[in-house]
Amino acid sequence: REDAKAEYDKTIDRARDDAQKIKDEAAKAAKLQTEKAKRAVKEEIA
């Protein structure tokens, strides 16, 4: 039971880390898309 609990905790921690990485990457991708959209709008306005 202790081993299973430890493995469960490790799996949960790994999943949280992976989810945080995905969120960070999504935020970076969204920021890049926003910057690209701003540049495209600026170019179009120009």
All heavy atoms as atom14 arrays in JSON, in Angstrom:
{
  "sequence": "REDAKAEYDKTIDRARDDAQKIKDEAAKAAKLQTEKAKRAVKEEIA",
  "atom14_mask": [
    [1, 1, 1, 1, 1, 1, 1, 1, 1, 1, 1, 0, 0, 0],
    [1, 1, 1, 1, 1, 1, 1, 1, 1, 0, 0, 0, 0, 0],
    [1, 1, 1, 1, 1, 1, 1, 1, 0, 0, 0, 0, 0, 0],
    [1, 1, 1, 1, 1, 0, 0, 0, 0, 0, 0, 0, 0, 0],
    [1, 1, 1, 1, 1, 1, 1, 1, 1, 0, 0, 0, 0, 0],
    [1, 1, 1, 1, 1, 0, 0, 0, 0, 0, 0, 0, 0, 0],
    [1, 1, 1, 1, 1, 1, 1, 1, 1, 0, 0, 0, 0, 0],
    [1, 1, 1, 1, 1, 1, 1, 1, 1, 1, 1, 1, 0, 0],
    [1, 1, 1, 1, 1, 1, 1, 1, 0, 0, 0, 0, 0, 0],
    [1, 1, 1, 1, 1, 1, 1, 1, 1, 0, 0, 0, 0, 0],
    [1, 1, 1, 1, 1, 1, 1, 0, 0, 0, 0, 0, 0, 0],
    [1, 1, 1, 1, 1, 1, 1, 1, 0, 0, 0, 0, 0, 0],
    [1, 1, 1, 1, 1, 1, 1, 1, 0, 0, 0, 0, 0, 0],
    [1, 1, 1, 1, 1, 1, 1, 1, 1, 1, 1, 0, 0, 0],
    [1, 1, 1, 1, 1, 0, 0, 0, 0, 0, 0, 0, 0, 0],
    [1, 1, 1, 1, 1, 1, 1, 1, 1, 1, 1, 0, 0, 0],
    [1, 1, 1, 1, 1, 1, 1, 1, 0, 0, 0, 0, 0, 0],
    [1, 1, 1, 1, 1, 1, 1, 1, 0, 0, 0, 0, 0, 0],
    [1, 1, 1, 1, 1, 0, 0, 0, 0, 0, 0, 0, 0, 0],
    [1, 1, 1, 1, 1, 1, 1, 1, 1, 0, 0, 0, 0, 0],
    [1, 1, 1, 1, 1, 1, 1, 1, 1, 0, 0, 0, 0, 0],
    [1, 1, 1, 1, 1, 1, 1, 1, 0, 0, 0, 0, 0, 0],
    [1, 1, 1, 1, 1, 1, 1, 1, 1, 0, 0, 0, 0, 0],
    [1, 1, 1, 1, 1, 1, 1, 1, 0, 0, 0, 0, 0, 0],
    [1, 1, 1, 1, 1, 1, 1, 1, 1, 0, 0, 0, 0, 0],
    [1, 1, 1, 1, 1, 0, 0, 0, 0, 0, 0, 0, 0, 0],
    [1, 1, 1, 1, 1, 0, 0, 0, 0, 0, 0, 0, 0, 0],
    [1, 1, 1, 1, 1, 1, 1, 1, 1, 0, 0, 0, 0, 0],
    [1, 1, 1, 1, 1, 0, 0, 0, 0, 0, 0, 0, 0, 0],
    [1, 1, 1, 1, 1, 0, 0, 0, 0, 0, 0, 0, 0, 0],
    [1, 1, 1, 1, 1, 1, 1, 1, 1, 0, 0, 0, 0, 0],
    [1, 1, 1, 1, 1, 1, 1, 1, 0, 0, 0, 0, 0, 0],
    [1, 1, 1, 1, 1, 1, 1, 1, 1, 0, 0, 0, 0, 0],
    [1, 1, 1, 1, 1, 1, 1, 0, 0, 0, 0, 0, 0, 0],
    [1, 1, 1, 1, 1, 1, 1, 1, 1, 0, 0, 0, 0, 0],
    [1, 1, 1, 1, 1, 1, 1, 1, 1, 0, 0, 0, 0, 0],
    [1, 1, 1, 1, 1, 0, 0, 0, 0, 0, 0, 0, 0, 0],
    [1, 1, 1, 1, 1, 1, 1, 1, 1, 0, 0, 0, 0, 0],
    [1, 1, 1, 1, 1, 1, 1, 1, 1, 1, 1, 0, 0, 0],
    [1, 1, 1, 1, 1, 0, 0, 0, 0, 0, 0, 0, 0, 0],
    [1, 1, 1, 1, 1, 1, 1, 0, 0, 0, 0, 0, 0, 0],
    [1, 1, 1, 1, 1, 1, 1, 1, 1, 0, 0, 0, 0, 0],
    [1, 1, 1, 1, 1, 1, 1, 1, 1, 0, 0, 0, 0, 0],
    [1, 1, 1, 1, 1, 1, 1, 1, 1, 0, 0, 0, 0, 0],
    [1, 1, 1, 1, 1, 1, 1, 1, 0, 0, 0, 0, 0, 0],
    [1, 1, 1, 1, 1, 0, 0, 0, 0, 0, 0, 0, 0, 0]
  ],
  "atom14_positions": [
    [[0.83, -1.21, 0.0], [0.0, 0.0, 0.0], [0.87, 1.26, 0.0], [0.58, 2.23, -0.7], [-0.92, 0.0, 1.22], [-2.09, -0.94, 1.05], [-3.08, -0.82, 2.19], [-4.19, -1.74, 1.96], [-4.84, -2.35, 2.9], [-4.52, -2.15, 4.17], [-5.84, -3.17, 2.61], [0.0, 0.0, 0.0], [0.0, 0.0, 0.0], [0.0, 0.0, 0.0]],
    [[1.94, 1.24, 0.8], [2.84, 2.39, 0.84], [3.49, 2.61, -0.51], [3.58, 3.75, -0.99], [3.92, 2.19, 1.91], [3.41, 2.28, 3.33], [4.48, 1.92, 4.36], [5.66, 1.77, 3.97], [4.13, 1.79, 5.54], [0.0, 0.0, 0.0], [0.0, 0.0, 0.0], [0.0, 0.0, 0.0], [0.0, 0.0, 0.0], [0.0, 0.0, 0.0]],
    [[3.94, 1.51, -1.14], [4.57, 1.62, -2.45], [3.57, 2.14, -3.48], [3.92, 2.99, -4.32], [5.11, 0.26, -2.9], [6.3, -0.19, -2.07], [6.85, 0.65, -1.32], [6.67, -1.38, -2.15], [0.0, 0.0, 0.0], [0.0, 0.0, 0.0], [0.0, 0.0, 0.0], [0.0, 0.0, 0.0], [0.0, 0.0, 0.0], [0.0, 0.0, 0.0]],
    [[2.34, 1.64, -3.43], [1.31, 2.1, -4.37], [1.01, 3.58, -4.17], [0.86, 4.33, -5.13], [0.04, 1.27, -4.21], [0.0, 0.0, 0.0], [0.0, 0.0, 0.0], [0.0, 0.0, 0.0], [0.0, 0.0, 0.0], [0.0, 0.0, 0.0], [0.0, 0.0, 0.0], [0.0, 0.0, 0.0], [0.0, 0.0, 0.0], [0.0, 0.0, 0.0]],
    [[0.94, 4.0, -2.9], [0.68, 5.41, -2.59], [1.82, 6.28, -3.11], [1.59, 7.34, -3.71], [0.52, 5.59, -1.07], [0.39, 7.02, -0.6], [-1.01, 7.52, -0.79], [-1.17, 8.84, -0.07], [-1.44, 9.94, -0.93], [0.0, 0.0, 0.0], [0.0, 0.0, 0.0], [0.0, 0.0, 0.0], [0.0, 0.0, 0.0], [0.0, 0.0, 0.0]],
    [[3.07, 5.83, -2.91], [4.22, 6.58, -3.4], [4.19, 6.68, -4.92], [4.43, 7.75, -5.49], [5.52, 5.92, -2.93], [0.0, 0.0, 0.0], [0.0, 0.0, 0.0], [0.0, 0.0, 0.0], [0.0, 0.0, 0.0], [0.0, 0.0, 0.0], [0.0, 0.0, 0.0], [0.0, 0.0, 0.0], [0.0, 0.0, 0.0], [0.0, 0.0, 0.0]],
    [[3.87, 5.56, -5.59], [3.79, 5.57, -7.05], [2.65, 6.48, -7.52], [2.8, 7.21, -8.5], [3.58, 4.13, -7.56], [3.69, 3.99, -9.05], [5.07, 4.31, -9.58], [6.06, 4.08, -8.88], [5.15, 4.82, -10.72], [0.0, 0.0, 0.0], [0.0, 0.0, 0.0], [0.0, 0.0, 0.0], [0.0, 0.0, 0.0], [0.0, 0.0, 0.0]],
    [[1.54, 6.45, -6.82], [0.4, 7.32, -7.15], [0.81, 8.79, -7.03], [0.52, 9.59, -7.91], [-0.77, 7.0, -6.21], [-1.93, 7.95, -6.32], [-2.83, 7.84, -7.38], [-2.13, 8.96, -5.38], [-3.91, 8.71, -7.49], [-3.19, 9.83, -5.49], [-4.08, 9.71, -6.54], [-5.14, 10.57, -6.65], [0.0, 0.0, 0.0], [0.0, 0.0, 0.0]],
    [[1.5, 9.1, -5.92], [1.95, 10.49, -5.72], [2.91, 10.92, -6.81], [2.83, 12.05, -7.32], [2.61, 10.64, -4.34], [1.6, 10.52, -3.2], [0.37, 10.66, -3.46], [2.04, 10.28, -2.05], [0.0, 0.0, 0.0], [0.0, 0.0, 0.0], [0.0, 0.0, 0.0], [0.0, 0.0, 0.0], [0.0, 0.0, 0.0], [0.0, 0.0, 0.0]],
    [[3.85, 10.02, -7.19], [4.79, 10.34, -8.27], [4.04, 10.6, -9.57], [4.35, 11.55, -10.3], [5.78, 9.19, -8.48], [6.85, 9.1, -7.44], [7.76, 7.92, -7.76], [8.75, 7.67, -6.65], [9.58, 6.49, -6.92], [0.0, 0.0, 0.0], [0.0, 0.0, 0.0], [0.0, 0.0, 0.0], [0.0, 0.0, 0.0], [0.0, 0.0, 0.0]],
    [[3.05, 9.75, -9.86], [2.29, 9.9, -11.11], [1.51, 11.22, -11.1], [1.5, 11.94, -12.11], [1.31, 8.72, -11.27], [2.06, 7.5, -11.24], [0.55, 8.81, -12.57], [0.0, 0.0, 0.0], [0.0, 0.0, 0.0], [0.0, 0.0, 0.0], [0.0, 0.0, 0.0], [0.0, 0.0, 0.0], [0.0, 0.0, 0.0], [0.0, 0.0, 0.0]],
    [[0.91, 11.55, -9.97], [0.16, 12.81, -9.86], [1.12, 14.0, -10.03], [0.8, 14.96, -10.75], [-0.58, 12.89, -8.5], [-1.69, 11.84, -8.43], [-1.15, 14.27, -8.25], [-2.78, 12.01, -9.46], [0.0, 0.0, 0.0], [0.0, 0.0, 0.0], [0.0, 0.0, 0.0], [0.0, 0.0, 0.0], [0.0, 0.0, 0.0], [0.0, 0.0, 0.0]],
    [[2.28, 13.94, -9.38], [3.26, 15.04, -9.51], [3.72, 15.18, -10.96], [3.83, 16.31, -11.48], [4.46, 14.79, -8.6], [4.12, 14.95, -7.13], [3.06, 15.56, -6.83], [4.9, 14.46, -6.27], [0.0, 0.0, 0.0], [0.0, 0.0, 0.0], [0.0, 0.0, 0.0], [0.0, 0.0, 0.0], [0.0, 0.0, 0.0], [0.0, 0.0, 0.0]],
    [[3.99, 14.04, -11.62], [4.4, 14.09, -13.02], [3.29, 14.7, -13.88], [3.55, 15.52, -14.77], [4.73, 12.69, -13.53], [6.21, 12.47, -13.71], [6.52, 11.12, -14.34], [6.71, 10.17, -13.26], [6.12, 9.0, -13.16], [5.3, 8.58, -14.08], [6.33, 8.22, -12.14], [0.0, 0.0, 0.0], [0.0, 0.0, 0.0], [0.0, 0.0, 0.0]],
    [[2.05, 14.31, -13.61], [0.92, 14.84, -14.38], [0.78, 16.34, -14.15], [0.53, 17.1, -15.11], [-0.37, 14.12, -13.99], [0.0, 0.0, 0.0], [0.0, 0.0, 0.0], [0.0, 0.0, 0.0], [0.0, 0.0, 0.0], [0.0, 0.0, 0.0], [0.0, 0.0, 0.0], [0.0, 0.0, 0.0], [0.0, 0.0, 0.0], [0.0, 0.0, 0.0]],
    [[0.96, 16.79, -12.91], [0.88, 18.23, -12.63], [2.0, 18.98, -13.35], [1.77, 20.05, -13.91], [0.98, 18.47, -11.13], [-0.28, 18.14, -10.39], [-0.2, 18.5, -8.93], [-1.42, 18.09, -8.24], [-1.45, 17.55, -7.05], [-0.34, 17.36, -6.36], [-2.6, 17.2, -6.51], [0.0, 0.0, 0.0], [0.0, 0.0, 0.0], [0.0, 0.0, 0.0]],
    [[3.21, 18.41, -13.3], [4.33, 19.05, -14.0], [4.06, 19.13, -15.5], [4.3, 20.18, -16.13], [5.64, 18.28, -13.75], [6.13, 18.41, -12.31], [5.63, 19.32, -11.6], [7.0, 17.6, -11.9], [0.0, 0.0, 0.0], [0.0, 0.0, 0.0], [0.0, 0.0, 0.0], [0.0, 0.0, 0.0], [0.0, 0.0, 0.0], [0.0, 0.0, 0.0]],
    [[3.56, 18.02, -16.06], [3.26, 18.01, -17.5], [2.17, 19.03, -17.82], [2.25, 19.74, -18.84], [2.81, 16.61, -17.95], [3.96, 15.61, -17.92], [5.13, 16.04, -17.81], [3.68, 14.39, -18.02], [0.0, 0.0, 0.0], [0.0, 0.0, 0.0], [0.0, 0.0, 0.0], [0.0, 0.0, 0.0], [0.0, 0.0, 0.0], [0.0, 0.0, 0.0]],
    [[1.15, 19.1, -16.98], [0.07, 20.06, -17.21], [0.6, 21.49, -17.14], [0.22, 22.34, -17.96], [-1.05, 19.86, -16.18], [0.0, 0.0, 0.0], [0.0, 0.0, 0.0], [0.0, 0.0, 0.0], [0.0, 0.0, 0.0], [0.0, 0.0, 0.0], [0.0, 0.0, 0.0], [0.0, 0.0, 0.0], [0.0, 0.0, 0.0], [0.0, 0.0, 0.0]],
    [[1.49, 21.75, -16.18], [2.07, 23.09, -16.05], [2.91, 23.42, -17.28], [2.86, 24.54, -17.8], [2.92, 23.2, -14.77], [3.39, 24.6, -14.48], [2.25, 25.58, -14.27], [1.26, 25.25, -13.64], [2.37, 26.76, -14.84], [0.0, 0.0, 0.0], [0.0, 0.0, 0.0], [0.0, 0.0, 0.0], [0.0, 0.0, 0.0], [0.0, 0.0, 0.0]],
    [[3.68, 22.45, -17.77], [4.48, 22.67, -18.98], [3.58, 22.97, -20.17], [3.86, 23.86, -20.97], [5.34, 21.44, -19.29], [6.52, 21.29, -18.37], [7.3, 20.03, -18.69], [8.42, 19.81, -17.68], [9.12, 18.55, -17.9], [0.0, 0.0, 0.0], [0.0, 0.0, 0.0], [0.0, 0.0, 0.0], [0.0, 0.0, 0.0], [0.0, 0.0, 0.0]],
    [[2.48, 22.2, -20.28], [1.54, 22.43, -21.38], [0.94, 23.83, -21.28], [0.81, 24.54, -22.29], [0.45, 21.33, -21.4], [1.07, 20.0, -21.81], [-0.69, 21.7, -22.33], [0.16, 18.8, -21.64], [0.0, 0.0, 0.0], [0.0, 0.0, 0.0], [0.0, 0.0, 0.0], [0.0, 0.0, 0.0], [0.0, 0.0, 0.0], [0.0, 0.0, 0.0]],
    [[0.57, 24.24, -20.06], [0.01, 25.58, -19.87], [1.03, 26.65, -20.26], [0.69, 27.63, -20.93], [-0.39, 25.8, -18.4], [-1.66, 25.13, -17.99], [-1.94, 25.44, -16.51], [-3.16, 24.75, -15.99], [-3.39, 25.01, -14.57], [0.0, 0.0, 0.0], [0.0, 0.0, 0.0], [0.0, 0.0, 0.0], [0.0, 0.0, 0.0], [0.0, 0.0, 0.0]],
    [[2.29, 26.44, -19.8], [3.34, 27.42, -20.12], [3.56, 27.52, -21.63], [3.67, 28.62, -22.19], [4.65, 27.06, -19.42], [4.56, 27.2, -17.91], [3.61, 27.86, -17.43], [5.45, 26.64, -17.21], [0.0, 0.0, 0.0], [0.0, 0.0, 0.0], [0.0, 0.0, 0.0], [0.0, 0.0, 0.0], [0.0, 0.0, 0.0], [0.0, 0.0, 0.0]],
    [[3.62, 26.33, -22.28], [3.8, 26.34, -23.73], [2.61, 26.97, -24.43], [2.77, 27.71, -25.42], [4.01, 24.9, -24.22], [5.36, 24.32, -23.83], [5.52, 22.86, -24.21], [4.61, 22.3, -24.87], [6.55, 22.28, -23.84], [0.0, 0.0, 0.0], [0.0, 0.0, 0.0], [0.0, 0.0, 0.0], [0.0, 0.0, 0.0], [0.0, 0.0, 0.0]],
    [[1.4, 26.7, -23.95], [0.2, 27.3, -24.55], [0.23, 28.81, -24.36], [-0.14, 29.57, -25.28], [-1.05, 26.71, -23.92], [0.0, 0.0, 0.0], [0.0, 0.0, 0.0], [0.0, 0.0, 0.0], [0.0, 0.0, 0.0], [0.0, 0.0, 0.0], [0.0, 0.0, 0.0], [0.0, 0.0, 0.0], [0.0, 0.0, 0.0], [0.0, 0.0, 0.0]],
    [[0.67, 29.26, -23.17], [0.75, 30.71, -22.93], [1.78, 31.35, -23.87], [1.54, 32.42, -24.44], [1.12, 30.99, -21.47], [0.0, 0.0, 0.0], [0.0, 0.0, 0.0], [0.0, 0.0, 0.0], [0.0, 0.0, 0.0], [0.0, 0.0, 0.0], [0.0, 0.0, 0.0], [0.0, 0.0, 0.0], [0.0, 0.0, 0.0], [0.0, 0.0, 0.0]],
    [[2.92, 30.68, -24.03], [3.95, 31.2, -24.96], [3.41, 31.23, -26.39], [3.6, 32.22, -27.12], [5.21, 30.32, -24.92], [6.04, 30.52, -23.69], [7.25, 29.6, -23.72], [8.02, 29.66, -22.42], [9.15, 28.72, -22.4], [0.0, 0.0, 0.0], [0.0, 0.0, 0.0], [0.0, 0.0, 0.0], [0.0, 0.0, 0.0], [0.0, 0.0, 0.0]],
    [[2.72, 30.15, -26.77], [2.17, 30.09, -28.13], [1.12, 31.18, -28.31], [1.07, 31.84, -29.37], [1.57, 28.71, -28.39], [0.0, 0.0, 0.0], [0.0, 0.0, 0.0], [0.0, 0.0, 0.0], [0.0, 0.0, 0.0], [0.0, 0.0, 0.0], [0.0, 0.0, 0.0], [0.0, 0.0, 0.0], [0.0, 0.0, 0.0], [0.0, 0.0, 0.0]],
    [[0.29, 31.39, -27.28], [-0.73, 32.44, -27.38], [-0.08, 33.81, -27.48], [-0.53, 34.66, -28.26], [-1.66, 32.38, -26.17], [0.0, 0.0, 0.0], [0.0, 0.0, 0.0], [0.0, 0.0, 0.0], [0.0, 0.0, 0.0], [0.0, 0.0, 0.0], [0.0, 0.0, 0.0], [0.0, 0.0, 0.0], [0.0, 0.0, 0.0], [0.0, 0.0, 0.0]],
    [[0.99, 34.03, -26.72], [1.7, 35.31, -26.76], [2.31, 35.53, -28.14], [2.21, 36.63, -28.7], [2.78, 35.33, -25.68], [3.43, 36.67, -25.51], [4.39, 36.65, -24.34], [5.03, 38.01, -24.15], [5.97, 38.03, -23.03], [0.0, 0.0, 0.0], [0.0, 0.0, 0.0], [0.0, 0.0, 0.0], [0.0, 0.0, 0.0], [0.0, 0.0, 0.0]],
    [[2.91, 34.46, -28.7], [3.48, 34.57, -30.05], [2.39, 34.86, -31.08], [2.58, 35.7, -31.97], [4.22, 33.28, -30.42], [5.59, 33.08, -29.79], [6.11, 31.69, -30.14], [6.57, 34.12, -30.28], [0.0, 0.0, 0.0], [0.0, 0.0, 0.0], [0.0, 0.0, 0.0], [0.0, 0.0, 0.0], [0.0, 0.0, 0.0], [0.0, 0.0, 0.0]],
    [[1.26, 34.16, -30.95], [0.16, 34.4, -31.88], [-0.36, 35.83, -31.75], [-0.67, 36.48, -32.75], [-0.98, 33.4, -31.62], [-0.67, 31.98, -32.01], [-0.46, 31.84, -33.51], [-1.04, 32.54, -34.33], [0.43, 30.93, -33.88], [0.0, 0.0, 0.0], [0.0, 0.0, 0.0], [0.0, 0.0, 0.0], [0.0, 0.0, 0.0], [0.0, 0.0, 0.0]],
    [[-0.43, 36.31, -30.5], [-0.88, 37.69, -30.28], [0.09, 38.68, -30.93], [-0.34, 39.63, -31.6], [-0.99, 37.98, -28.76], [-1.87, 37.02, -28.19], [-1.51, 39.37, -28.5], [0.0, 0.0, 0.0], [0.0, 0.0, 0.0], [0.0, 0.0, 0.0], [0.0, 0.0, 0.0], [0.0, 0.0, 0.0], [0.0, 0.0, 0.0], [0.0, 0.0, 0.0]],
    [[1.39, 38.42, -30.73], [2.41, 39.3, -31.34], [2.31, 39.26, -32.86], [2.39, 40.3, -33.54], [3.82, 38.89, -30.88], [4.1, 39.16, -29.43], [4.07, 40.65, -29.09], [4.52, 41.48, -29.9], [3.57, 40.97, -28.0], [0.0, 0.0, 0.0], [0.0, 0.0, 0.0], [0.0, 0.0, 0.0], [0.0, 0.0, 0.0], [0.0, 0.0, 0.0]],
    [[2.13, 38.05, -33.41], [2.0, 37.92, -34.87], [0.76, 38.67, -35.37], [0.79, 39.35, -36.39], [1.92, 36.44, -35.28], [3.23, 35.72, -35.26], [3.03, 34.28, -35.73], [4.29, 33.48, -35.66], [4.09, 32.09, -36.09], [0.0, 0.0, 0.0], [0.0, 0.0, 0.0], [0.0, 0.0, 0.0], [0.0, 0.0, 0.0], [0.0, 0.0, 0.0]],
    [[-0.34, 38.5, -34.61], [-1.58, 39.17, -35.01], [-1.42, 40.68, -34.94], [-1.87, 41.41, -35.84], [-2.73, 38.72, -34.1], [0.0, 0.0, 0.0], [0.0, 0.0, 0.0], [0.0, 0.0, 0.0], [0.0, 0.0, 0.0], [0.0, 0.0, 0.0], [0.0, 0.0, 0.0], [0.0, 0.0, 0.0], [0.0, 0.0, 0.0], [0.0, 0.0, 0.0]],
    [[-0.72, 41.17, -33.89], [-0.49, 42.62, -33.78], [0.34, 43.11, -34.95], [0.06, 44.16, -35.54], [0.22, 42.94, -32.46], [-0.67, 42.91, -31.24], [0.12, 43.27, -30.0], [-0.72, 43.2, -28.74], [0.04, 43.5, -27.52], [0.0, 0.0, 0.0], [0.0, 0.0, 0.0], [0.0, 0.0, 0.0], [0.0, 0.0, 0.0], [0.0, 0.0, 0.0]],
    [[1.4, 42.35, -35.27], [2.25, 42.75, -36.41], [1.44, 42.75, -37.71], [1.57, 43.65, -38.53], [3.44, 41.81, -36.52], [4.68, 42.39, -35.89], [5.93, 41.57, -36.21], [6.29, 40.89, -34.97], [6.44, 39.6, -34.8], [6.31, 38.79, -35.82], [6.75, 39.11, -33.64], [0.0, 0.0, 0.0], [0.0, 0.0, 0.0], [0.0, 0.0, 0.0]],
    [[0.62, 41.71, -37.87], [-0.18, 41.63, -39.1], [-1.16, 42.79, -39.19], [-1.33, 43.4, -40.26], [-0.93, 40.3, -39.14], [0.0, 0.0, 0.0], [0.0, 0.0, 0.0], [0.0, 0.0, 0.0], [0.0, 0.0, 0.0], [0.0, 0.0, 0.0], [0.0, 0.0, 0.0], [0.0, 0.0, 0.0], [0.0, 0.0, 0.0], [0.0, 0.0, 0.0]],
    [[-1.75, 43.14, -38.04], [-2.68, 44.27, -38.03], [-1.95, 45.56, -38.33], [-2.42, 46.41, -39.1], [-3.43, 44.34, -36.67], [-4.17, 45.66, -36.52], [-4.4, 43.17, -36.55], [0.0, 0.0, 0.0], [0.0, 0.0, 0.0], [0.0, 0.0, 0.0], [0.0, 0.0, 0.0], [0.0, 0.0, 0.0], [0.0, 0.0, 0.0], [0.0, 0.0, 0.0]],
    [[-0.76, 45.71, -37.74], [0.04, 46.92, -37.98], [0.42, 47.03, -39.45], [0.34, 48.1, -40.05], [1.3, 46.91, -37.12], [1.03, 47.23, -35.67], [2.33, 47.23, -34.88], [2.11, 47.45, -33.4], [3.34, 47.44, -32.63], [0.0, 0.0, 0.0], [0.0, 0.0, 0.0], [0.0, 0.0, 0.0], [0.0, 0.0, 0.0], [0.0, 0.0, 0.0]],
    [[0.81, 45.88, -40.02], [1.18, 45.89, -41.44], [-0.03, 46.24, -42.29], [0.07, 47.01, -43.26], [1.77, 44.53, -41.85], [3.15, 44.27, -41.31], [3.66, 42.89, -41.67], [3.05, 42.2, -42.51], [4.69, 42.49, -41.09], [0.0, 0.0, 0.0], [0.0, 0.0, 0.0], [0.0, 0.0, 0.0], [0.0, 0.0, 0.0], [0.0, 0.0, 0.0]],
    [[-1.18, 45.67, -41.93], [-2.38, 45.95, -42.71], [-2.78, 47.43, -42.58], [-3.15, 48.08, -43.56], [-3.53, 45.05, -42.24], [-4.7, 45.08, -43.2], [-5.74, 44.06, -42.81], [-5.38, 42.94, -42.39], [-6.93, 44.39, -42.94], [0.0, 0.0, 0.0], [0.0, 0.0, 0.0], [0.0, 0.0, 0.0], [0.0, 0.0, 0.0], [0.0, 0.0, 0.0]],
    [[-2.66, 47.94, -41.32], [-2.97, 49.36, -41.12], [-2.01, 50.23, -41.92], [-2.41, 51.22, -42.54], [-2.94, 49.71, -39.62], [-4.12, 49.06, -38.91], [-2.95, 51.2, -39.4], [-4.09, 49.2, -37.4], [0.0, 0.0, 0.0], [0.0, 0.0, 0.0], [0.0, 0.0, 0.0], [0.0, 0.0, 0.0], [0.0, 0.0, 0.0], [0.0, 0.0, 0.0]],
    [[-0.74, 49.8, -41.93], [0.25, 50.56, -42.69], [-0.09, 50.54, -44.17], [0.01, 51.58, -44.85], [1.64, 49.98, -42.44], [0.0, 0.0, 0.0], [0.0, 0.0, 0.0], [0.0, 0.0, 0.0], [0.0, 0.0, 0.0], [0.0, 0.0, 0.0], [0.0, 0.0, 0.0], [0.0, 0.0, 0.0], [0.0, 0.0, 0.0], [0.0, 0.0, 0.0]]
  ]
}
